[in-house]
Amino acid sequence: ILMRILVIEDERALAGFIEQTLRQHGFAASVAGTLAEARTLLTQPFDAVICDRRLPDGDGLDLVKELRAAGNHVPLLMLTALGLPKERVSGLEAGADDYLPKPFSLFELLARVKALLRRSGGPAGLLLELGNVQLDTLHETVQVAGKTVALGKREVVLLRHLLQRAGQVVGKDVLEQALYGDTDEKSRTALEVAIHRLRKMLTSVNASVNVVTVRGIGYLLEDTAK
């Protein structure tokens, strides 16, 4: 089960970048462009909320106050172009847990979301597991048969995407996008090299899973113990 993050942002391009970043790092993301859409979505549980201040139908702070008044203490990160200290203070006093002024780095936003989840204790459901392999998506740590193993960042990203769809084929384009985004690092062999490193690591620690190549389509992770 993936952690669910609600992104409340009316700038479509920015909302798309945030959503993509969250998904690439193992979260399930939903986007609302207005307070009305957010209120509808918030009838469902979320593990964290990212909310802009200035929205077409009101101030994001009003939603924060509503949530807190209703006893909803979901971790909440405010985004705003209003970067003055008094604006940040007003947001925190209204019940926001953190404040990030625009413009910001998507990596900083991701780090702040993870920090909020850690401080809140984080719900169950952060672990992806197949066979004797377990990946903590929040802390990005991997264990095999109960022992922590060291993986590079790209191998962790690959393993996370394969575990999320264990037993199903994950397309090459999906994995390449997760690893390299729109950078120039992509090549015909880059993904194959990363897959090779992941396979080598899994074999070296006697993992009971295997990365299977589905020629011309992608890869899938299978439990070899079954």
Foldseek 3Di string as FASTA:
>chain_A
DAAEEEEAAQPVVVQVVLCVVQVLLGHHYDYHQAVVRVVVVVVDDGQEYEHEQDGPVHGPLVVLLVCVVVVNLRAYEYEYCPPDPVVQVVSVVSRHPYYDYPPDDSVVVLVVVLVSCVVVVHDPDQWQDDFQWIARSSVLWIDGVRHTDDDDPLLSSVVSVQSVVAPDFDFPVNSCCSRPNPDPPDDPCPVVVSLVVNQVRCVVVVHQWHWDDDPPGGIHIYRNVD
